[in-house]
Amino acid sequence: MAKLDSALLQWYLEELRAEGWRVISQTDITAQVERSRKWNRRGLMIVGGMLVVGLIFWWLPLVVGALLGLIIVLVDYRMQKPSRASVTAQQAREAARLLEGEYQGE
């Protein structure tokens, strides 16, 4: 059962890595994972659009507003703390069970 738990945990950690998590430390049946900060994509798109439109039409208030918005997005990014979590073989077993149920149509 220990080898199965270890294999399930490895599978689950690979799934988490694909979602942007990284493994900090690991034993046979547990692991510590961390997800780094994320940029606010919606905010960056809005600010980028404002900047482009402001530069095309040479509208200074829009350019200044876009630069202030960029500062706000940067501050938001810097204020975030990385997310940390502990993952166990039991959680990997439950995830595999749920995934198996989805494939069987439950």
PDB file of N, CA and C in Angstrom:
ATOM      1  N   MET A   1       0.817  -1.195   0.000  1.00  0.00           N
ATOM      2  CA  MET A   1       0.000   0.000   0.000  1.00  0.00           C
ATOM      3  C   MET A   1       0.863   1.263   0.000  1.00  0.00           C
ATOM      4  N   ALA A   2       2.043   1.177   0.633  1.00  0.00           N
ATOM      5  CA  ALA A   2       2.920   2.346   0.701  1.00  0.00           C
ATOM      6  C   ALA A   2       3.434   2.726  -0.682  1.00  0.00           C
ATOM      7  N   LYS A   3       3.746   1.725  -1.515  1.00  0.00           N
ATOM      8  CA  LYS A   3       4.223   2.025  -2.869  1.00  0.00           C
ATOM      9  C   LYS A   3       3.109   2.655  -3.692  1.00  0.00           C
ATOM     10  N   LEU A   4       1.888   2.173  -3.507  1.00  0.00           N
ATOM     11  CA  LEU A   4       0.745   2.745  -4.216  1.00  0.00           C
ATOM     12  C   LEU A   4       0.516   4.191  -3.774  1.00  0.00           C
ATOM     13  N   ASP A   5       0.610   4.428  -2.463  1.00  0.00           N
ATOM     14  CA  ASP A   5       0.459   5.797  -1.954  1.00  0.00           C
ATOM     15  C   ASP A   5       1.519   6.716  -2.536  1.00  0.00           C
ATOM     16  N   SER A   6       2.747   6.238  -2.589  1.00  0.00           N
ATOM     17  CA  SER A   6       3.838   7.036  -3.130  1.00  0.00           C
ATOM     18  C   SER A   6       3.614   7.331  -4.616  1.00  0.00           C
ATOM     19  N   ALA A   7       3.155   6.326  -5.368  1.00  0.00           N
ATOM     20  CA  ALA A   7       2.889   6.521  -6.797  1.00  0.00           C
ATOM     21  C   ALA A   7       1.725   7.483  -7.009  1.00  0.00           C
ATOM     22  N   LEU A   8       0.673   7.350  -6.208  1.00  0.00           N
ATOM     23  CA  LEU A   8      -0.462   8.268  -6.313  1.00  0.00           C
ATOM     24  C   LEU A   8      -0.051   9.697  -5.966  1.00  0.00           C
ATOM     25  N   LEU A   9       0.789   9.825  -4.946  1.00  0.00           N
ATOM     26  CA  LEU A   9       1.257  11.155  -4.565  1.00  0.00           C
ATOM     27  C   LEU A   9       2.085  11.770  -5.692  1.00  0.00           C
ATOM     28  N   GLN A  10       2.933  10.984  -6.330  1.00  0.00           N
ATOM     29  CA  GLN A  10       3.725  11.496  -7.456  1.00  0.00           C
ATOM     30  C   GLN A  10       2.815  11.950  -8.596  1.00  0.00           C
ATOM     31  N   TRP A  11       1.789  11.149  -8.891  1.00  0.00           N
ATOM     32  CA  TRP A  11       0.837  11.519  -9.937  1.00  0.00           C
ATOM     33  C   TRP A  11       0.138  12.830  -9.588  1.00  0.00           C
ATOM     34  N   TYR A  12      -0.309  12.934  -8.336  1.00  0.00           N
ATOM     35  CA  TYR A  12      -1.029  14.129  -7.901  1.00  0.00           C
ATOM     36  C   TYR A  12      -0.126  15.361  -7.927  1.00  0.00           C
ATOM     37  N   LEU A  13       1.131  15.203  -7.557  1.00  0.00           N
ATOM     38  CA  LEU A  13       2.073  16.320  -7.592  1.00  0.00           C
ATOM     39  C   LEU A  13       2.329  16.771  -9.026  1.00  0.00           C
ATOM     40  N   GLU A  14       2.361  15.837  -9.956  1.00  0.00           N
ATOM     41  CA  GLU A  14       2.503  16.214 -11.372  1.00  0.00           C
ATOM     42  C   GLU A  14       1.294  17.019 -11.834  1.00  0.00           C
ATOM     43  N   GLU A  15       0.100  16.619 -11.380  1.00  0.00           N
ATOM     44  CA  GLU A  15      -1.107  17.384 -11.716  1.00  0.00           C
ATOM     45  C   GLU A  15      -1.025  18.797 -11.138  1.00  0.00           C
ATOM     46  N   LEU A  16      -0.543  18.914  -9.918  1.00  0.00           N
ATOM     47  CA  LEU A  16      -0.410  20.226  -9.289  1.00  0.00           C
ATOM     48  C   LEU A  16       0.647  21.080  -9.988  1.00  0.00           C
ATOM     49  N   ARG A  17       1.750  20.441 -10.409  1.00  0.00           N
ATOM     50  CA  ARG A  17       2.789  21.181 -11.141  1.00  0.00           C
ATOM     51  C   ARG A  17       2.222  21.765 -12.434  1.00  0.00           C
ATOM     52  N   ALA A  18       1.359  21.012 -13.089  1.00  0.00           N
ATOM     53  CA  ALA A  18       0.746  21.494 -14.327  1.00  0.00           C
ATOM     54  C   ALA A  18      -0.147  22.711 -14.066  1.00  0.00           C
ATOM     55  N   GLU A  19      -0.645  22.842 -12.838  1.00  0.00           N
ATOM     56  CA  GLU A  19      -1.491  23.983 -12.472  1.00  0.00           C
ATOM     57  C   GLU A  19      -0.687  25.149 -11.898  1.00  0.00           C
ATOM     58  N   GLY A  20       0.641  25.042 -11.881  1.00  0.00           N
ATOM     59  CA  GLY A  20       1.465  26.154 -11.436  1.00  0.00           C
ATOM     60  C   GLY A  20       2.034  26.026 -10.030  1.00  0.00           C
ATOM     61  N   TRP A  21       1.818  24.915  -9.361  1.00  0.00           N
ATOM     62  CA  TRP A  21       2.374  24.713  -8.024  1.00  0.00           C
ATOM     63  C   TRP A  21       3.787  24.157  -8.167  1.00  0.00           C
ATOM     64  N   ARG A  22       4.633  24.402  -7.159  1.00  0.00           N
ATOM     65  CA  ARG A  22       5.957  23.780  -7.148  1.00  0.00           C
ATOM     66  C   ARG A  22       6.158  23.101  -5.800  1.00  0.00           C
ATOM     67  N   VAL A  23       6.906  22.009  -5.818  1.00  0.00           N
ATOM     68  CA  VAL A  23       7.131  21.218  -4.616  1.00  0.00           C
ATOM     69  C   VAL A  23       8.298  21.815  -3.846  1.00  0.00           C
ATOM     70  N   ILE A  24       8.055  22.089  -2.563  1.00  0.00           N
ATOM     71  CA  ILE A  24       9.100  22.642  -1.699  1.00  0.00           C
ATOM     72  C   ILE A  24       9.849  21.508  -1.007  1.00  0.00           C
ATOM     73  N   SER A  25       9.088  20.591  -0.410  1.00  0.00           N
ATOM     74  CA  SER A  25       9.691  19.437   0.247  1.00  0.00           C
ATOM     75  C   SER A  25       8.745  18.255   0.103  1.00  0.00           C
ATOM     76  N   GLN A  26       9.313  17.053   0.235  1.00  0.00           N
ATOM     77  CA  GLN A  26       8.499  15.866  -0.004  1.00  0.00           C
ATOM     78  C   GLN A  26       9.050  14.677   0.768  1.00  0.00           C
ATOM     79  N   THR A  27       8.117  13.859   1.288  1.00  0.00           N
ATOM     80  CA  THR A  27       8.444  12.556   1.836  1.00  0.00           C
ATOM     81  C   THR A  27       7.687  11.529   0.998  1.00  0.00           C
ATOM     82  N   ASP A  28       7.650  10.279   1.461  1.00  0.00           N
ATOM     83  CA  ASP A  28       6.949   9.243   0.691  1.00  0.00           C
ATOM     84  C   ASP A  28       5.443   9.477   0.634  1.00  0.00           C
ATOM     85  N   ILE A  29       4.863  10.031   1.707  1.00  0.00           N
ATOM     86  CA  ILE A  29       3.403  10.161   1.748  1.00  0.00           C
ATOM     87  C   ILE A  29       2.895  11.590   1.926  1.00  0.00           C
ATOM     88  N   THR A  30       3.788  12.567   2.040  1.00  0.00           N
ATOM     89  CA  THR A  30       3.357  13.964   2.156  1.00  0.00           C
ATOM     90  C   THR A  30       4.267  14.863   1.326  1.00  0.00           C
ATOM     91  N   ALA A  31       3.780  16.050   1.034  1.00  0.00           N
ATOM     92  CA  ALA A  31       4.583  17.039   0.316  1.00  0.00           C
ATOM     93  C   ALA A  31       4.099  18.435   0.680  1.00  0.00           C
ATOM     94  N   GLN A  32       5.004  19.374   0.646  1.00  0.00           N
ATOM     95  CA  GLN A  32       4.681  20.782   0.822  1.00  0.00           C
ATOM     96  C   GLN A  32       4.789  21.431  -0.550  1.00  0.00           C
ATOM     97  N   VAL A  33       3.727  22.126  -0.970  1.00  0.00           N
ATOM     98  CA  VAL A  33       3.723  22.775  -2.274  1.00  0.00           C
ATOM     99  C   VAL A  33       3.463  24.268  -2.110  1.00  0.00           C
ATOM    100  N   GLU A  34       3.881  25.034  -3.112  1.00  0.00           N
ATOM    101  CA  GLU A  34       3.727  26.484  -3.065  1.00  0.00           C
ATOM    102  C   GLU A  34       3.377  26.989  -4.456  1.00  0.00           C
ATOM    103  N   ARG A  35       2.479  27.962  -4.503  1.00  0.00           N
ATOM    104  CA  ARG A  35       2.139  28.635  -5.760  1.00  0.00           C
ATOM    105  C   ARG A  35       2.591  30.081  -5.614  1.00  0.00           C
ATOM    106  N   SER A  36       3.351  30.529  -6.597  1.00  0.00           N
ATOM    107  CA  SER A  36       3.867  31.893  -6.513  1.00  0.00           C
ATOM    108  C   SER A  36       2.776  32.909  -6.837  1.00  0.00           C
ATOM    109  N   ARG A  37       3.127  34.164  -6.690  1.00  0.00           N
ATOM    110  CA  ARG A  37       2.176  35.242  -6.939  1.00  0.00           C
ATOM    111  C   ARG A  37       1.741  35.254  -8.398  1.00  0.00           C
ATOM    112  N   LYS A  38       0.555  35.820  -8.625  1.00  0.00           N
ATOM    113  CA  LYS A  38       0.028  35.917  -9.981  1.00  0.00           C
ATOM    114  C   LYS A  38      -0.265  37.375 -10.324  1.00  0.00           C
ATOM    115  N   TRP A  39       0.000  37.726 -11.582  1.00  0.00           N
ATOM    116  CA  TRP A  39      -0.374  39.047 -12.067  1.00  0.00           C
ATOM    117  C   TRP A  39      -1.871  39.084 -12.304  1.00  0.00           C
ATOM    118  N   ASN A  40      -2.470  40.226 -12.078  1.00  0.00           N
ATOM    119  CA  ASN A  40      -3.881  40.438 -12.354  1.00  0.00           C
ATOM    120  C   ASN A  40      -4.020  40.672 -13.858  1.00  0.00           C
ATOM    121  N   ARG A  41      -4.340  39.615 -14.597  1.00  0.00           N
ATOM    122  CA  ARG A  41      -4.365  39.702 -16.057  1.00  0.00           C
ATOM    123  C   ARG A  41      -5.430  40.670 -16.562  1.00  0.00           C
ATOM    124  N   ARG A  42      -6.584  40.650 -15.933  1.00  0.00           N
ATOM    125  CA  ARG A  42      -7.652  41.556 -16.364  1.00  0.00           C
ATOM    126  C   ARG A  42      -7.210  43.010 -16.192  1.00  0.00           C
ATOM    127  N   GLY A  43      -6.593  43.299 -15.061  1.00  0.00           N
ATOM    128  CA  GLY A  43      -6.111  44.662 -14.823  1.00  0.00           C
ATOM    129  C   GLY A  43      -5.039  45.062 -15.825  1.00  0.00           C
ATOM    130  N   LEU A  44      -4.127  44.145 -16.130  1.00  0.00           N
ATOM    131  CA  LEU A  44      -3.089  44.445 -17.107  1.00  0.00           C
ATOM    132  C   LEU A  44      -3.675  44.688 -18.499  1.00  0.00           C
ATOM    133  N   MET A  45      -4.699  43.917 -18.871  1.00  0.00           N
ATOM    134  CA  MET A  45      -5.325  44.104 -20.182  1.00  0.00           C
ATOM    135  C   MET A  45      -6.032  45.459 -20.262  1.00  0.00           C
ATOM    136  N   ILE A  46      -6.731  45.820 -19.196  1.00  0.00           N
ATOM    137  CA  ILE A  46      -7.430  47.107 -19.182  1.00  0.00           C
ATOM    138  C   ILE A  46      -6.436  48.262 -19.250  1.00  0.00           C
ATOM    139  N   VAL A  47      -5.394  48.172 -18.436  1.00  0.00           N
ATOM    140  CA  VAL A  47      -4.387  49.236 -18.415  1.00  0.00           C
ATOM    141  C   VAL A  47      -3.660  49.306 -19.761  1.00  0.00           C
ATOM    142  N   GLY A  48      -3.339  48.152 -20.331  1.00  0.00           N
ATOM    143  CA  GLY A  48      -2.677  48.142 -21.637  1.00  0.00           C
ATOM    144  C   GLY A  48      -3.554  48.742 -22.722  1.00  0.00           C
ATOM    145  N   GLY A  49      -4.833  48.401 -22.711  1.00  0.00           N
ATOM    146  CA  GLY A  49      -5.757  48.986 -23.683  1.00  0.00           C
ATOM    147  C   GLY A  49      -5.870  50.484 -23.526  1.00  0.00           C
ATOM    148  N   MET A  50      -5.966  50.935 -22.266  1.00  0.00           N
ATOM    149  CA  MET A  50      -6.040  52.380 -22.024  1.00  0.00           C
ATOM    150  C   MET A  50      -4.782  53.080 -22.534  1.00  0.00           C
ATOM    151  N   LEU A  51      -3.642  52.471 -22.301  1.00  0.00           N
ATOM    152  CA  LEU A  51      -2.382  53.075 -22.721  1.00  0.00           C
ATOM    153  C   LEU A  51      -2.293  53.154 -24.245  1.00  0.00           C
ATOM    154  N   VAL A  52      -2.673  52.081 -24.912  1.00  0.00           N
ATOM    155  CA  VAL A  52      -2.623  52.068 -26.379  1.00  0.00           C
ATOM    156  C   VAL A  52      -3.573  53.121 -26.959  1.00  0.00           C
ATOM    157  N   VAL A  53      -4.815  53.158 -26.483  1.00  0.00           N
ATOM    158  CA  VAL A  53      -5.780  54.139 -26.988  1.00  0.00           C
ATOM    159  C   VAL A  53      -5.306  55.554 -26.678  1.00  0.00           C
ATOM    160  N   GLY A  54      -4.804  55.764 -25.480  1.00  0.00           N
ATOM    161  CA  GLY A  54      -4.312  57.092 -25.102  1.00  0.00           C
ATOM    162  C   GLY A  54      -3.150  57.545 -25.960  1.00  0.00           C
ATOM    163  N   LEU A  55      -2.251  56.606 -26.317  1.00  0.00           N
ATOM    164  CA  LEU A  55      -1.113  56.970 -27.159  1.00  0.00           C
ATOM    165  C   LEU A  55      -1.524  57.171 -28.617  1.00  0.00           C
ATOM    166  N   ILE A  56      -2.474  56.380 -29.100  1.00  0.00           N
ATOM    167  CA  ILE A  56      -2.927  56.542 -30.491  1.00  0.00           C
ATOM    168  C   ILE A  56      -3.588  57.902 -30.690  1.00  0.00           C
ATOM    169  N   PHE A  57      -4.480  58.264 -29.758  1.00  0.00           N
ATOM    170  CA  PHE A  57      -5.203  59.525 -29.896  1.00  0.00           C
ATOM    171  C   PHE A  57      -4.515  60.679 -29.170  1.00  0.00           C
ATOM    172  N   TRP A  58      -3.369  60.404 -28.621  1.00  0.00           N
ATOM    173  CA  TRP A  58      -2.560  61.381 -27.895  1.00  0.00           C
ATOM    174  C   TRP A  58      -3.400  62.137 -26.866  1.00  0.00           C
ATOM    175  N   TRP A  59      -4.098  61.344 -26.036  1.00  0.00           N
ATOM    176  CA  TRP A  59      -4.951  61.886 -24.998  1.00  0.00           C
ATOM    177  C   TRP A  59      -4.246  61.704 -23.662  1.00  0.00           C
ATOM    178  N   LEU A  60      -3.639  62.743 -23.180  1.00  0.00           N
ATOM    179  CA  LEU A  60      -2.776  62.697 -22.001  1.00  0.00           C
ATOM    180  C   LEU A  60      -3.481  62.200 -20.734  1.00  0.00           C
ATOM    181  N   PRO A  61      -4.734  62.613 -20.443  1.00  0.00           N
ATOM    182  CA  PRO A  61      -5.370  62.099 -19.215  1.00  0.00           C
ATOM    183  C   PRO A  61      -5.524  60.569 -19.218  1.00  0.00           C
ATOM    184  N   LEU A  62      -5.784  60.003 -20.386  1.00  0.00           N
ATOM    185  CA  LEU A  62      -5.926  58.551 -20.465  1.00  0.00           C
ATOM    186  C   LEU A  62      -4.572  57.863 -20.264  1.00  0.00           C
ATOM    187  N   VAL A  63      -3.515  58.440 -20.799  1.00  0.00           N
ATOM    188  CA  VAL A  63      -2.168  57.889 -20.622  1.00  0.00           C
ATOM    189  C   VAL A  63      -1.772  57.951 -19.151  1.00  0.00           C
ATOM    190  N   VAL A  64      -2.034  59.058 -18.502  1.00  0.00           N
ATOM    191  CA  VAL A  64      -1.708  59.195 -17.077  1.00  0.00           C
ATOM    192  C   VAL A  64      -2.532  58.215 -16.249  1.00  0.00           C
ATOM    193  N   GLY A  65      -3.822  58.069 -16.578  1.00  0.00           N
ATOM    194  CA  GLY A  65      -4.664  57.097 -15.879  1.00  0.00           C
ATOM    195  C   GLY A  65      -4.163  55.679 -16.065  1.00  0.00           C
ATOM    196  N   ALA A  66      -3.693  55.360 -17.266  1.00  0.00           N
ATOM    197  CA  ALA A  66      -3.156  54.020 -17.526  1.00  0.00           C
ATOM    198  C   ALA A  66      -1.889  53.784 -16.707  1.00  0.00           C
ATOM    199  N   LEU A  67      -1.031  54.776 -16.620  1.00  0.00           N
ATOM    200  CA  LEU A  67       0.197  54.617 -15.830  1.00  0.00           C
ATOM    201  C   LEU A  67      -0.122  54.459 -14.339  1.00  0.00           C
ATOM    202  N   LEU A  68      -1.108  55.202 -13.846  1.00  0.00           N
ATOM    203  CA  LEU A  68      -1.525  55.028 -12.452  1.00  0.00           C
ATOM    204  C   LEU A  68      -2.125  53.641 -12.236  1.00  0.00           C
ATOM    205  N   GLY A  69      -2.916  53.184 -13.209  1.00  0.00           N
ATOM    206  CA  GLY A  69      -3.471  51.835 -13.125  1.00  0.00           C
ATOM    207  C   GLY A  69      -2.377  50.771 -13.112  1.00  0.00           C
ATOM    208  N   LEU A  70      -1.327  50.987 -13.886  1.00  0.00           N
ATOM    209  CA  LEU A  70      -0.199  50.051 -13.902  1.00  0.00           C
ATOM    210  C   LEU A  70       0.480  49.995 -12.537  1.00  0.00           C
ATOM    211  N   ILE A  71       0.596  51.139 -11.898  1.00  0.00           N
ATOM    212  CA  ILE A  71       1.181  51.172 -10.553  1.00  0.00           C
ATOM    213  C   ILE A  71       0.297  50.387  -9.580  1.00  0.00           C
ATOM    214  N   ILE A  72      -1.019  50.541  -9.699  1.00  0.00           N
ATOM    215  CA  ILE A  72      -1.940  49.814  -8.815  1.00  0.00           C
ATOM    216  C   ILE A  72      -1.829  48.307  -9.039  1.00  0.00           C
ATOM    217  N   VAL A  73      -1.742  47.875 -10.289  1.00  0.00           N
ATOM    218  CA  VAL A  73      -1.592  46.444 -10.584  1.00  0.00           C
ATOM    219  C   VAL A  73      -0.268  45.932 -10.031  1.00  0.00           C
ATOM    220  N   LEU A  74       0.796  46.718 -10.152  1.00  0.00           N
ATOM    221  CA  LEU A  74       2.098  46.326  -9.619  1.00  0.00           C
ATOM    222  C   LEU A  74       2.056  46.195  -8.098  1.00  0.00           C
ATOM    223  N   VAL A  75       1.416  47.148  -7.429  1.00  0.00           N
ATOM    224  CA  VAL A  75       1.293  47.084  -5.966  1.00  0.00           C
ATOM    225  C   VAL A  75       0.482  45.856  -5.560  1.00  0.00           C
ATOM    226  N   ASP A  76      -0.592  45.559  -6.290  1.00  0.00           N
ATOM    227  CA  ASP A  76      -1.392  44.365  -6.017  1.00  0.00           C
ATOM    228  C   ASP A  76      -0.545  43.102  -6.122  1.00  0.00           C
ATOM    229  N   TYR A  77       0.287  43.025  -7.144  1.00  0.00           N
ATOM    230  CA  TYR A  77       1.160  41.864  -7.324  1.00  0.00           C
ATOM    231  C   TYR A  77       2.149  41.735  -6.177  1.00  0.00           C
ATOM    232  N   ARG A  78       2.754  42.854  -5.793  1.00  0.00           N
ATOM    233  CA  ARG A  78       3.770  42.823  -4.739  1.00  0.00           C
ATOM    234  C   ARG A  78       3.181  42.516  -3.363  1.00  0.00           C
ATOM    235  N   MET A  79       1.891  42.846  -3.146  1.00  0.00           N
ATOM    236  CA  MET A  79       1.266  42.629  -1.846  1.00  0.00           C
ATOM    237  C   MET A  79       0.847  41.172  -1.634  1.00  0.00           C
ATOM    238  N   GLN A  80       0.746  40.410  -2.697  1.00  0.00           N
ATOM    239  CA  GLN A  80       0.323  39.010  -2.577  1.00  0.00           C
ATOM    240  C   GLN A  80       1.412  38.189  -1.910  1.00  0.00           C
ATOM    241  N   LYS A  81       0.978  37.214  -1.160  1.00  0.00           N
ATOM    242  CA  LYS A  81       1.913  36.263  -0.561  1.00  0.00           C
ATOM    243  C   LYS A  81       1.766  34.937  -1.292  1.00  0.00           C
ATOM    244  N   PRO A  82       2.852  34.205  -1.456  1.00  0.00           N
ATOM    245  CA  PRO A  82       2.738  32.898  -2.109  1.00  0.00           C
ATOM    246  C   PRO A  82       1.827  31.976  -1.301  1.00  0.00           C
ATOM    247  N   SER A  83       1.038  31.173  -2.001  1.00  0.00           N
ATOM    248  CA  SER A  83       0.140  30.217  -1.345  1.00  0.00           C
ATOM    249  C   SER A  83       0.912  28.940  -1.046  1.00  0.00           C
ATOM    250  N   ARG A  84       0.740  28.431   0.152  1.00  0.00           N
ATOM    251  CA  ARG A  84       1.387  27.169   0.528  1.00  0.00           C
ATOM    252  C   ARG A  84       0.333  26.177   0.962  1.00  0.00           C
ATOM    253  N   ALA A  85       0.601  24.907   0.703  1.00  0.00           N
ATOM    254  CA  ALA A  85      -0.330  23.858   1.090  1.00  0.00           C
ATOM    255  C   ALA A  85       0.446  22.586   1.382  1.00  0.00           C
ATOM    256  N   SER A  86      -0.176  21.740   2.162  1.00  0.00           N
ATOM    257  CA  SER A  86       0.370  20.422   2.457  1.00  0.00           C
ATOM    258  C   SER A  86      -0.488  19.390   1.732  1.00  0.00           C
ATOM    259  N   VAL A  87       0.150  18.465   1.063  1.00  0.00           N
ATOM    260  CA  VAL A  87      -0.546  17.443   0.289  1.00  0.00           C
ATOM    261  C   VAL A  87      -0.176  16.084   0.868  1.00  0.00           C
ATOM    262  N   THR A  88      -1.189  15.246   1.073  1.00  0.00           N
ATOM    263  CA  THR A  88      -0.948  13.909   1.611  1.00  0.00           C
ATOM    264  C   THR A  88      -1.328  12.854   0.587  1.00  0.00           C
ATOM    265  N   ALA A  89      -0.883  11.626   0.837  1.00  0.00           N
ATOM    266  CA  ALA A  89      -1.238  10.504  -0.036  1.00  0.00           C
ATOM    267  C   ALA A  89      -2.743  10.263   0.005  1.00  0.00           C
ATOM    268  N   GLN A  90      -3.379  10.537   1.144  1.00  0.00           N
ATOM    269  CA  GLN A  90      -4.834  10.381   1.258  1.00  0.00           C
ATOM    270  C   GLN A  90      -5.549  11.325   0.297  1.00  0.00           C
ATOM    271  N   GLN A  91      -5.092  12.556   0.196  1.00  0.00           N
ATOM    272  CA  GLN A  91      -5.692  13.503  -0.739  1.00  0.00           C
ATOM    273  C   GLN A  91      -5.488  13.045  -2.180  1.00  0.00           C
ATOM    274  N   ALA A  92      -4.328  12.481  -2.467  1.00  0.00           N
ATOM    275  CA  ALA A  92      -4.062  11.962  -3.812  1.00  0.00           C
ATOM    276  C   ALA A  92      -4.988  10.795  -4.128  1.00  0.00           C
ATOM    277  N   ARG A  93      -5.224   9.938  -3.124  1.00  0.00           N
ATOM    278  CA  ARG A  93      -6.135   8.805  -3.307  1.00  0.00           C
ATOM    279  C   ARG A  93      -7.554   9.296  -3.613  1.00  0.00           C
ATOM    280  N   GLU A  94      -8.002  10.308  -2.869  1.00  0.00           N
ATOM    281  CA  GLU A  94      -9.339  10.854  -3.090  1.00  0.00           C
ATOM    282  C   GLU A  94      -9.460  11.515  -4.459  1.00  0.00           C
ATOM    283  N   ALA A  95      -8.411  12.221  -4.886  1.00  0.00           N
ATOM    284  CA  ALA A  95      -8.425  12.843  -6.215  1.00  0.00           C
ATOM    285  C   ALA A  95      -8.481  11.786  -7.303  1.00  0.00           C
ATOM    286  N   ALA A  96      -7.737  10.710  -7.132  1.00  0.00           N
ATOM    287  CA  ALA A  96      -7.764   9.626  -8.123  1.00  0.00           C
ATOM    288  C   ALA A  96      -9.135   8.966  -8.149  1.00  0.00           C
ATOM    289  N   ARG A  97      -9.744   8.788  -6.993  1.00  0.00           N
ATOM    290  CA  ARG A  97     -11.076   8.190  -6.916  1.00  0.00           C
ATOM    291  C   ARG A  97     -12.109   9.083  -7.616  1.00  0.00           C
ATOM    292  N   LEU A  98     -12.028  10.387  -7.390  1.00  0.00           N
ATOM    293  CA  LEU A  98     -12.939  11.320  -8.054  1.00  0.00           C
ATOM    294  C   LEU A  98     -12.740  11.307  -9.567  1.00  0.00           C
ATOM    295  N   LEU A  99     -11.487  11.284  -9.993  1.00  0.00           N
ATOM    296  CA  LEU A  99     -11.194  11.262 -11.416  1.00  0.00           C
ATOM    297  C   LEU A  99     -11.700   9.977 -12.057  1.00  0.00           C
ATOM    298  N   GLU A 100     -11.549   8.879 -11.367  1.00  0.00           N
ATOM    299  CA  GLU A 100     -12.045   7.591 -11.878  1.00  0.00           C
ATOM    300  C   GLU A 100     -13.564   7.623 -12.012  1.00  0.00           C
ATOM    301  N   GLY A 101     -14.256   8.245 -11.056  1.00  0.00           N
ATOM    302  CA  GLY A 101     -15.699   8.364 -11.109  1.00  0.00           C
ATOM    303  C   GLY A 101     -16.151   9.218 -12.282  1.00  0.00           C
ATOM    304  N   GLU A 102     -15.385  10.289 -12.607  1.00  0.00           N
ATOM    305  CA  GLU A 102     -15.743  11.127 -13.747  1.00  0.00           C
ATOM    306  C   GLU A 102     -15.640  10.349 -15.048  1.00  0.00           C
ATOM    307  N   TYR A 103     -14.623   9.511 -15.174  1.00  0.00           N
ATOM    308  CA  TYR A 103     -14.448   8.739 -16.397  1.00  0.00           C
ATOM    309  C   TYR A 103     -15.489   7.638 -16.551  1.00  0.00           C
ATOM    310  N   GLN A 104     -16.029   7.177 -15.427  1.00  0.00           N
ATOM    311  CA  GLN A 104     -17.043   6.119 -15.493  1.00  0.00           C
ATOM    312  C   GLN A 104     -18.447   6.694 -15.560  1.00  0.00           C
ATOM    313  N   GLY A 105     -18.559   8.000 -15.528  1.00  0.00           N
ATOM    314  CA  GLY A 105     -19.863   8.640 -15.685  1.00  0.00           C
ATOM    315  C   GLY A 105     -20.689   8.750 -14.421  1.00  0.00           C
ATOM    316  N   GLU A 106     -20.059   8.697 -13.274  1.00  0.00           N
ATOM    317  CA  GLU A 106     -20.816   8.795 -12.002  1.00  0.00           C
ATOM    318  C   GLU A 106     -21.168  10.228 -11.720  1.00  0.00           C
TER     319      GLU A 106
END
